[in-house]
Amino acid sequence: MMRKILVLSGSFVIVAGAVAAWSLTQAGTSNPLPVRAVADRPQPVAGPDAFGKTPLLAPQFRTGDAYPERPTVDLVNTVIRPGAREALAVVELSSSSPTTVIAYVRCRAGIGSRPVRDRTQAVIFRPGDPQRATVACPIESARPGQSIVFRQAYEPDGGKRGQAQASATVSDTDAPTPPVTEGFRAPYAFAPLGQLVYNADATSILFDDKGGPGIWSTALAHGRSQPANQETGYYGTVAMGAVEASDNAILLRTRRLEKPVDAKDGRPPYPFQAAILSAHKSRDLEFVYGSVEWDVKMPDRIGTWPGLWLLPRHGWPPEIDVYEGFSHNPEWTLSSSLSTTIHGGSRSKRAFRRSAFRMQMGDFGLANTLTSEYHKFQVTVDPGWITMFVDGVETTRYANPFPGTQWHPLMQVAVKAPPDSPYTQGTGDMALRSIRIWRSQ
């Protein structure tokens, strides 16, 4: 039966080589990680002609079955003056990139000198930016022969880690390394592409177990389980309470089931309920080029795997993951971590994947409140680019290898908890306040 829901309605950043004030710490651990650099929110700028229509990829990469290699990210040694209060390291890409590349650089004590504070900073290279940037670290006063050490703390998003360590050496004879500040652009501001064709909140969204025109389905196109992902959640029905209304939002609810469900898919019975809303049965919610915006609050329970994504009308891949929350990964921070991915290939075989996994809300000047407040996740697909946004600020961008693909949106909370997990801490629900879809083609 179709249901109609009626409900009452900082610290430091390197962006374009600029340095801002710093403040955030890594909370919730007895042995805290280095402080991540957090931006004063950069002022987004309007994109050129709907974010740049000119395809960046050569024709051989625009079939959806191939993508250029990731560039290598190297740290390069530098020279600073005696008495300097700031050390610089050069971050260099081996080649231009069709995607956003984010390096994560940690400033540490070297020989005889030390940073004012041990912290890790995000260095963002957007497509079209220069391939060379500098990252700055406030230091205690240094004397000739002393040095500060910079390290790539993680594998860079969108790139490969090359030279992982470099030093800023204090010299009164060698010329100091100049900062690189020119040629970098600010993040684009979200500007929907096309005409608004769907605008629903908790008072107007329609869903049932099958789906149809204007109606979301509580199942995937291929069924109610994802055995290939080793998920432990069965996508529940309306009668199971997998999707239901709260005071002001639609809840995608996960829980431990009273009795595990045998999906007859070759996997053991599923001990947990997962939840999804998919538009695969609704042609009026599809688009080739356009934008989608989800206004959501994420779950904070370990073992949840929330996602906001796009799938094509026929077959997999391709796939565009606007957001995934990997709470089952011990490096993931539920309130602040971000990720995006594009998957290419055909006939159920993935040929490539490009991901950004280490990003934090603070890297873009956004509050670490994904699980306690609503945030808007947005994506724009145009002939040249796939661009991701959070709260209107560009986070990542991919040259589009899937031109002409017909997309539909999905939103879900999968479960990837151990079968013996009590699965009771916090909330396993995603709260959806609204979803909007724009279409230009």
Protein backbone atom coordinates (compact mmCIF):
# COMPACT_ATOMS: atom_id res chain seq x y z
CA MET A 1 0.00 0.00 0.00
CA MET A 2 1.26 3.48 -0.86
CA ARG A 3 1.72 5.74 2.13
CA LYS A 4 1.58 9.51 2.16
CA ILE A 5 3.37 10.87 5.18
CA LEU A 6 1.76 13.83 6.92
CA VAL A 7 3.91 15.53 9.52
CA LEU A 8 4.04 18.99 11.07
CA SER A 9 5.92 20.91 9.33
CA GLY A 10 38.97 26.18 12.93
CA SER A 11 42.12 26.30 13.09
CA PHE A 12 44.20 26.46 9.94
CA VAL A 13 43.64 25.86 6.26
CA ILE A 14 45.50 26.00 3.00
CA VAL A 15 43.04 27.09 0.35
CA ALA A 16 44.60 29.11 -2.45
CA GLY A 17 47.67 29.33 -0.25
CA ALA A 18 45.89 31.42 2.40
CA VAL A 19 46.36 30.97 6.15
CA ALA A 20 43.55 31.45 8.68
CA ALA A 21 43.13 31.20 12.46
CA TRP A 22 43.10 27.74 14.10
CA SER A 23 41.13 26.08 16.91
CA LEU A 24 39.66 22.56 16.65
CA THR A 25 40.92 19.43 18.40
CA GLN A 26 40.30 15.75 17.86
CA ALA A 27 37.86 14.77 20.59
CA GLY A 28 36.85 11.53 22.20
CA THR A 29 40.23 9.78 22.47
CA SER A 30 42.61 9.39 25.36
CA ASN A 31 45.53 9.68 22.94
CA PRO A 32 44.37 12.43 20.58
CA LEU A 33 45.50 12.66 16.99
CA PRO A 34 47.20 15.80 15.71
CA VAL A 35 44.80 18.71 15.38
CA ARG A 36 43.24 18.89 11.92
CA ALA A 37 43.42 22.22 10.18
CA VAL A 38 40.03 23.86 10.02
CA ALA A 39 39.18 26.76 7.75
CA ASP A 40 37.40 29.93 8.44
CA ARG A 41 34.75 29.26 5.83
CA PRO A 42 36.09 30.40 2.45
CA GLN A 43 33.77 32.55 0.40
CA PRO A 44 32.41 30.37 -2.42
CA VAL A 45 32.28 31.83 -5.89
CA ALA A 46 29.83 31.27 -8.73
CA GLY A 47 30.97 28.66 -11.21
CA PRO A 48 31.76 29.56 -14.83
CA ASP A 49 28.76 28.71 -17.02
CA ALA A 50 27.19 26.02 -14.82
CA PHE A 51 30.54 24.91 -13.37
CA GLY A 52 32.47 24.68 -16.61
CA LYS A 53 30.95 22.85 -19.55
CA THR A 54 34.24 22.09 -21.28
CA PRO A 55 35.09 18.41 -20.72
CA LEU A 56 38.47 17.94 -19.06
CA LEU A 57 38.79 14.29 -20.08
CA ALA A 58 40.10 13.10 -23.41
CA PRO A 59 37.58 11.10 -25.50
CA GLN A 60 39.10 7.72 -24.53
CA PHE A 61 38.27 8.43 -20.88
CA ARG A 62 34.66 9.43 -21.49
CA THR A 63 33.21 5.95 -21.99
CA GLY A 64 32.78 5.17 -18.30
CA ASP A 65 35.27 2.27 -18.55
CA ALA A 66 38.52 4.17 -17.98
CA TYR A 67 39.89 7.14 -16.07
CA PRO A 68 43.28 8.88 -15.92
CA GLU A 69 45.81 7.75 -13.32
CA ARG A 70 45.93 9.59 -10.02
CA PRO A 71 48.79 12.11 -9.73
CA THR A 72 51.55 11.57 -7.21
CA VAL A 73 51.76 14.04 -4.30
CA ASP A 74 55.29 14.92 -3.13
CA LEU A 75 56.59 17.08 -0.30
CA VAL A 76 59.61 19.24 -1.22
CA ASN A 77 62.27 20.69 1.11
CA THR A 78 62.34 24.43 1.76
CA VAL A 79 64.52 27.10 3.36
CA ILE A 80 63.45 29.62 6.02
CA ARG A 81 65.24 32.56 7.64
CA PRO A 82 66.64 32.61 11.19
CA GLY A 83 64.07 33.97 13.62
CA ALA A 84 61.19 33.02 11.33
CA ARG A 85 57.92 32.34 13.11
CA GLU A 86 56.54 30.26 10.28
CA ALA A 87 57.90 27.27 8.36
CA LEU A 88 56.84 26.37 4.83
CA ALA A 89 56.72 23.08 2.95
CA VAL A 90 56.04 22.73 -0.76
CA VAL A 91 53.32 20.28 -1.82
CA GLU A 92 53.61 19.28 -5.47
CA LEU A 93 51.47 17.23 -7.88
CA SER A 94 53.21 15.16 -10.53
CA SER A 95 50.57 16.09 -13.12
CA SER A 96 47.30 17.94 -13.51
CA SER A 97 44.31 16.09 -12.13
CA PRO A 98 40.76 15.55 -13.41
CA THR A 99 39.58 15.38 -9.78
CA THR A 100 40.05 17.31 -6.58
CA VAL A 101 43.24 16.23 -4.77
CA ILE A 102 43.54 16.79 -1.03
CA ALA A 103 46.89 16.20 0.70
CA TYR A 104 47.07 15.91 4.49
CA VAL A 105 50.28 17.40 5.84
CA ARG A 106 51.45 17.13 9.43
CA CYS A 107 53.90 19.61 10.95
CA ARG A 108 56.28 18.06 13.50
CA ALA A 109 59.39 18.80 15.52
CA GLY A 110 62.64 18.58 13.59
CA ILE A 111 66.19 19.39 14.64
CA GLY A 112 66.36 21.95 17.45
CA SER A 113 63.05 23.58 16.57
CA ARG A 114 59.40 22.68 16.94
CA PRO A 115 55.97 23.81 15.82
CA VAL A 116 53.82 25.86 18.13
CA ARG A 117 51.34 23.01 17.83
CA ASP A 118 51.40 19.56 16.23
CA ARG A 119 48.62 19.53 13.68
CA THR A 120 47.54 18.12 10.32
CA GLN A 121 46.39 20.44 7.56
CA ALA A 122 44.36 19.84 4.41
CA VAL A 123 45.97 21.15 1.21
CA ILE A 124 43.33 21.32 -1.53
CA PHE A 125 44.08 21.22 -5.27
CA ARG A 126 40.93 21.69 -7.34
CA PRO A 127 40.93 20.83 -11.05
CA GLY A 128 42.64 23.69 -12.91
CA ASP A 129 44.64 24.86 -9.87
CA PRO A 130 48.45 25.11 -10.01
CA GLN A 131 50.29 21.86 -9.33
CA ARG A 132 52.44 23.40 -6.61
CA ALA A 133 51.31 24.88 -3.28
CA THR A 134 52.88 25.77 0.04
CA VAL A 135 51.67 24.82 3.50
CA ALA A 136 52.63 26.97 6.51
CA CYS A 137 53.21 26.02 10.14
CA PRO A 138 53.71 28.50 13.03
CA ILE A 139 56.94 27.65 14.83
CA GLU A 140 59.05 28.73 17.75
CA SER A 141 61.92 31.04 16.83
CA ALA A 142 64.55 29.06 14.94
CA ARG A 143 68.34 29.36 14.55
CA PRO A 144 70.61 28.43 11.62
CA GLY A 145 70.93 24.69 11.13
CA GLN A 146 67.65 23.87 12.82
CA SER A 147 64.67 22.45 10.96
CA ILE A 148 60.98 21.62 11.06
CA VAL A 149 59.69 18.33 9.61
CA PHE A 150 56.56 17.99 7.45
CA ARG A 151 54.97 14.61 6.71
CA GLN A 152 52.05 13.41 4.64
CA ALA A 153 49.90 12.02 7.43
CA TYR A 154 47.68 9.92 5.13
CA GLU A 155 47.35 8.79 1.54
CA PRO A 156 46.02 11.87 -0.26
CA ASP A 157 42.45 11.91 -1.51
CA GLY A 158 42.49 11.78 -5.31
CA GLY A 159 46.25 11.16 -5.46
CA LYS A 160 49.08 8.78 -4.57
CA ARG A 161 51.53 9.50 -1.77
CA GLY A 162 55.02 10.02 -3.16
CA GLN A 163 57.76 11.78 -1.18
CA ALA A 164 56.14 11.64 2.25
CA GLN A 165 58.55 13.81 4.27
CA ALA A 166 60.31 17.13 3.78
CA SER A 167 62.15 19.62 5.98
CA ALA A 168 62.13 23.38 6.30
CA THR A 169 65.75 24.18 7.16
CA VAL A 170 66.84 27.43 8.79
CA SER A 171 69.61 29.16 6.83
CA ASP A 172 71.09 32.65 6.90
CA THR A 173 72.88 32.13 3.57
CA ASP A 174 70.44 30.36 1.22
CA ALA A 175 67.48 32.21 -0.24
CA PRO A 176 64.22 31.49 1.60
CA THR A 177 61.47 29.62 -0.23
CA PRO A 178 58.66 31.98 -1.28
CA PRO A 179 55.05 31.02 -0.57
CA VAL A 180 52.81 29.99 -3.47
CA THR A 181 49.56 31.94 -3.30
CA GLU A 182 48.53 32.73 -6.88
CA GLY A 183 46.28 30.84 -9.25
CA PHE A 184 44.08 28.96 -6.77
CA ARG A 185 40.34 29.46 -6.85
CA ALA A 186 37.82 29.51 -4.03
CA PRO A 187 35.29 26.67 -3.83
CA TYR A 188 32.23 27.01 -6.00
CA ALA A 189 28.91 27.78 -4.35
CA PHE A 190 26.05 25.39 -5.03
CA ALA A 191 23.77 26.75 -7.75
CA PRO A 192 21.16 24.22 -8.93
CA LEU A 193 21.39 23.22 -12.58
CA GLY A 194 18.09 23.20 -14.48
CA GLN A 195 14.45 23.49 -13.44
CA LEU A 196 13.13 22.30 -10.08
CA VAL A 197 11.12 19.14 -10.88
CA TYR A 198 10.74 17.61 -7.42
CA ASN A 199 10.52 19.22 -3.99
CA ALA A 200 9.31 17.03 -1.13
CA ASP A 201 9.44 17.10 2.64
CA ALA A 202 7.92 14.94 5.35
CA THR A 203 4.45 16.22 4.52
CA SER A 204 4.54 15.29 0.84
CA ILE A 205 7.00 12.48 0.13
CA LEU A 206 5.37 9.28 -1.18
CA PHE A 207 6.81 5.80 -0.76
CA ASP A 208 5.81 2.15 -0.68
CA ASP A 209 7.52 -1.21 -1.02
CA LYS A 210 7.38 -1.31 -4.83
CA GLY A 211 7.72 2.31 -5.96
CA GLY A 212 6.24 3.93 -9.04
CA PRO A 213 5.78 7.33 -10.71
CA GLY A 214 6.62 9.91 -8.05
CA ILE A 215 6.83 7.12 -5.45
CA TRP A 216 10.02 5.97 -3.70
CA SER A 217 10.65 2.26 -3.16
CA THR A 218 11.82 0.72 0.12
CA ALA A 219 13.92 -1.80 -1.86
CA LEU A 220 16.79 -1.74 -4.31
CA ALA A 221 16.10 -2.57 -7.93
CA HIS A 222 17.58 -6.06 -7.39
CA GLY A 223 15.98 -6.79 -4.02
CA ARG A 224 16.41 -6.26 -0.28
CA SER A 225 19.98 -7.34 0.36
CA GLN A 226 23.50 -6.50 -0.81
CA PRO A 227 25.51 -9.72 -0.33
CA ALA A 228 28.49 -8.49 -2.40
CA ASN A 229 29.08 -5.71 0.16
CA GLN A 230 29.06 -8.17 3.07
CA GLU A 231 26.32 -6.11 4.68
CA THR A 232 24.52 -7.55 7.69
CA GLY A 233 21.29 -5.58 7.28
CA TYR A 234 18.16 -6.63 5.38
CA TYR A 235 16.34 -3.68 3.74
CA GLY A 236 13.05 -3.64 5.57
CA THR A 237 9.53 -2.98 4.34
CA VAL A 238 7.00 -0.36 5.34
CA ALA A 239 5.28 -2.92 7.58
CA MET A 240 8.61 -3.57 9.34
CA GLY A 241 8.93 0.14 10.11
CA ALA A 242 12.07 0.61 8.01
CA VAL A 243 10.77 3.97 6.74
CA GLU A 244 8.41 6.04 8.84
CA ALA A 245 7.55 9.57 9.97
CA SER A 246 8.73 11.51 12.98
CA ASP A 247 7.63 14.99 14.02
CA ASN A 248 9.37 16.79 11.17
CA ALA A 249 11.25 14.26 9.05
CA ILE A 250 11.18 10.88 7.37
CA LEU A 251 13.23 8.33 9.31
CA LEU A 252 15.22 5.59 7.61
CA ARG A 253 15.42 3.22 10.58
CA THR A 254 17.89 0.45 11.39
CA ARG A 255 17.70 -1.97 14.31
CA ARG A 256 18.41 -5.49 15.47
CA LEU A 257 15.64 -7.79 14.27
CA GLU A 258 13.76 -10.04 16.67
CA LYS A 259 14.31 -12.85 14.16
CA PRO A 260 17.00 -12.77 11.43
CA VAL A 261 15.71 -12.69 7.86
CA ASP A 262 16.88 -15.24 5.31
CA ALA A 263 17.11 -13.36 1.99
CA LYS A 264 18.05 -16.57 0.14
CA ASP A 265 21.03 -14.80 -1.43
CA GLY A 266 23.80 -17.14 -0.34
CA ARG A 267 24.52 -15.21 2.85
CA PRO A 268 23.59 -16.18 6.42
CA PRO A 269 20.28 -14.75 7.68
CA TYR A 270 20.44 -11.00 8.28
CA PRO A 271 20.28 -10.04 12.00
CA PHE A 272 19.67 -6.33 11.39
CA GLN A 273 17.20 -4.15 9.54
CA ALA A 274 18.58 -1.66 7.01
CA ALA A 275 16.53 1.02 5.25
CA ILE A 276 16.46 2.62 1.81
CA LEU A 277 14.40 4.92 -0.41
CA SER A 278 15.15 4.43 -4.10
CA ALA A 279 13.70 6.22 -7.14
CA HIS A 280 14.44 3.37 -9.59
CA LYS A 281 10.74 2.96 -10.42
CA SER A 282 10.10 6.69 -10.94
CA ARG A 283 11.11 8.08 -14.33
CA ASP A 284 9.87 11.53 -13.28
CA LEU A 285 12.66 11.67 -10.68
CA GLU A 286 15.41 10.85 -13.19
CA PHE A 287 17.77 13.27 -14.94
CA VAL A 288 20.77 13.24 -17.25
CA TYR A 289 22.15 16.61 -16.17
CA GLY A 290 20.91 18.45 -13.11
CA SER A 291 21.22 18.64 -9.33
CA VAL A 292 20.00 16.86 -6.21
CA GLU A 293 19.88 18.17 -2.64
CA TRP A 294 19.25 16.07 0.46
CA ASP A 295 18.65 17.80 3.83
CA VAL A 296 19.56 15.14 6.39
CA LYS A 297 20.86 14.31 9.83
CA MET A 298 23.11 11.26 9.95
CA PRO A 299 23.03 8.30 12.37
CA ASP A 300 25.68 8.06 15.09
CA ARG A 301 25.59 4.32 15.78
CA ILE A 302 28.71 2.25 15.07
CA GLY A 303 27.88 -0.25 12.34
CA THR A 304 25.67 2.07 10.29
CA TRP A 305 26.64 2.78 6.68
CA PRO A 306 24.55 5.76 5.51
CA GLY A 307 24.69 6.79 1.88
CA LEU A 308 23.35 9.39 -0.56
CA TRP A 309 23.97 8.33 -4.14
CA LEU A 310 22.97 8.13 -7.79
CA LEU A 311 22.51 5.05 -9.98
CA PRO A 312 21.84 4.72 -13.73
CA ARG A 313 18.55 3.52 -15.17
CA HIS A 314 20.09 0.27 -16.42
CA GLY A 315 22.91 -1.80 -14.95
CA TRP A 316 25.85 -1.18 -12.60
CA PRO A 317 28.29 0.50 -12.72
CA PRO A 318 28.44 3.51 -13.06
CA GLU A 319 27.62 4.92 -9.64
CA ILE A 320 28.05 8.33 -7.99
CA ASP A 321 28.37 8.34 -4.20
CA VAL A 322 27.69 11.85 -2.94
CA TYR A 323 28.20 10.80 0.69
CA GLU A 324 28.97 7.59 2.54
CA GLY A 325 29.48 7.20 6.29
CA PHE A 326 31.85 4.35 7.13
CA SER A 327 31.21 4.02 10.85
CA HIS A 328 32.52 0.45 10.76
CA ASN A 329 35.99 1.87 9.92
CA PRO A 330 37.87 2.76 13.14
CA GLU A 331 39.41 5.83 11.44
CA TRP A 332 35.97 7.29 10.72
CA THR A 333 34.55 10.12 12.86
CA LEU A 334 30.77 10.05 12.63
CA SER A 335 30.20 13.73 13.34
CA SER A 336 32.78 15.13 10.91
CA SER A 337 34.13 12.66 8.32
CA LEU A 338 33.13 12.99 4.65
CA SER A 339 33.62 10.79 1.61
CA THR A 340 32.63 10.76 -2.05
CA THR A 341 33.30 8.24 -4.83
CA ILE A 342 32.63 7.66 -8.51
CA HIS A 343 32.61 4.08 -9.84
CA GLY A 344 33.12 3.33 -13.53
CA GLY A 345 32.70 0.22 -15.62
CA SER A 346 29.91 -1.79 -17.20
CA ARG A 347 28.07 -5.10 -17.11
CA SER A 348 28.42 -5.51 -13.34
CA LYS A 349 32.21 -5.17 -13.49
CA ARG A 350 33.94 -2.14 -11.99
CA ALA A 351 36.82 -0.82 -14.11
CA PHE A 352 37.88 2.09 -11.88
CA ARG A 353 37.02 4.01 -8.73
CA ARG A 354 38.00 7.51 -7.62
CA SER A 355 37.39 8.45 -4.00
CA ALA A 356 37.89 11.14 -1.42
CA PHE A 357 37.83 9.48 2.00
CA ARG A 358 39.89 11.52 4.50
CA MET A 359 37.96 14.79 4.27
CA GLN A 360 36.57 16.45 7.38
CA MET A 361 33.81 19.04 7.66
CA GLY A 362 36.32 21.47 9.15
CA ASP A 363 38.46 21.34 6.01
CA PHE A 364 35.70 23.42 4.39
CA GLY A 365 34.86 25.62 7.37
CA LEU A 366 31.81 23.56 8.33
CA ALA A 367 30.70 22.49 11.80
CA ASN A 368 31.35 18.93 12.98
CA THR A 369 27.65 18.28 13.58
CA LEU A 370 26.66 15.68 10.97
CA THR A 371 24.96 13.52 13.61
CA SER A 372 23.39 16.28 15.72
CA GLU A 373 22.18 18.84 13.16
CA TYR A 374 20.72 18.82 9.64
CA HIS A 375 23.08 19.46 6.73
CA LYS A 376 22.46 19.79 3.01
CA PHE A 377 24.34 17.41 0.72
CA GLN A 378 24.24 18.46 -2.92
CA VAL A 379 25.52 17.20 -6.25
CA THR A 380 25.49 18.74 -9.71
CA VAL A 381 26.05 16.60 -12.82
CA ASP A 382 26.74 18.46 -16.05
CA PRO A 383 28.36 17.32 -19.31
CA GLY A 384 31.86 18.12 -18.08
CA TRP A 385 31.79 17.69 -14.30
CA ILE A 386 30.36 15.96 -11.25
CA THR A 387 30.59 18.39 -8.34
CA MET A 388 29.84 17.64 -4.68
CA PHE A 389 28.78 20.20 -2.06
CA VAL A 390 27.95 20.29 1.64
CA ASP A 391 25.83 23.21 2.86
CA GLY A 392 26.44 24.97 -0.44
CA VAL A 393 30.26 24.70 -0.36
CA GLU A 394 32.12 22.66 -2.99
CA THR A 395 34.04 19.77 -1.44
CA THR A 396 35.12 17.62 -4.40
CA ARG A 397 34.91 17.63 -8.17
CA TYR A 398 35.34 14.92 -10.80
CA ALA A 399 35.61 15.29 -14.56
CA ASN A 400 32.52 13.45 -15.77
CA PRO A 401 33.33 10.13 -17.50
CA PHE A 402 29.64 9.22 -17.81
CA PRO A 403 28.12 11.80 -20.21
CA GLY A 404 24.55 11.06 -21.24
CA THR A 405 23.82 8.67 -18.35
CA GLN A 406 20.28 8.75 -16.96
CA TRP A 407 20.46 8.97 -13.13
CA HIS A 408 18.07 8.43 -10.25
CA PRO A 409 18.76 9.22 -6.57
CA LEU A 410 18.84 6.90 -3.57
CA MET A 411 19.21 7.39 0.19
CA GLN A 412 19.90 4.60 2.61
CA VAL A 413 21.28 3.36 5.89
CA ALA A 414 22.98 0.02 5.33
CA VAL A 415 24.26 -2.00 8.28
CA LYS A 416 27.74 -3.49 8.51
CA ALA A 417 27.86 -4.47 12.16
CA PRO A 418 29.18 -7.82 13.44
CA PRO A 419 26.28 -10.26 13.84
CA ASP A 420 26.88 -10.46 17.61
CA SER A 421 26.88 -6.68 18.06
CA PRO A 422 24.20 -5.42 20.49
CA TYR A 423 23.66 -2.54 18.05
CA THR A 424 22.01 -0.28 20.61
CA GLN A 425 24.32 2.68 21.20
CA GLY A 426 23.12 6.03 19.85
CA THR A 427 20.72 6.19 16.93
CA GLY A 428 20.76 4.00 13.83
CA ASP A 429 18.37 6.30 11.96
CA MET A 430 18.92 8.81 9.17
CA ALA A 431 16.48 11.72 9.39
CA LEU A 432 15.48 13.20 6.01
CA ARG A 433 13.94 16.65 6.19
CA SER A 434 13.62 17.26 2.44
CA ILE A 435 14.88 16.28 -1.00
CA ARG A 436 14.90 18.42 -4.14
CA ILE A 437 15.75 17.51 -7.74
CA TRP A 438 16.55 19.87 -10.62
CA ARG A 439 16.75 18.77 -14.25
CA SER A 440 18.34 20.51 -17.24
CA GLN A 441 18.12 17.40 -19.44
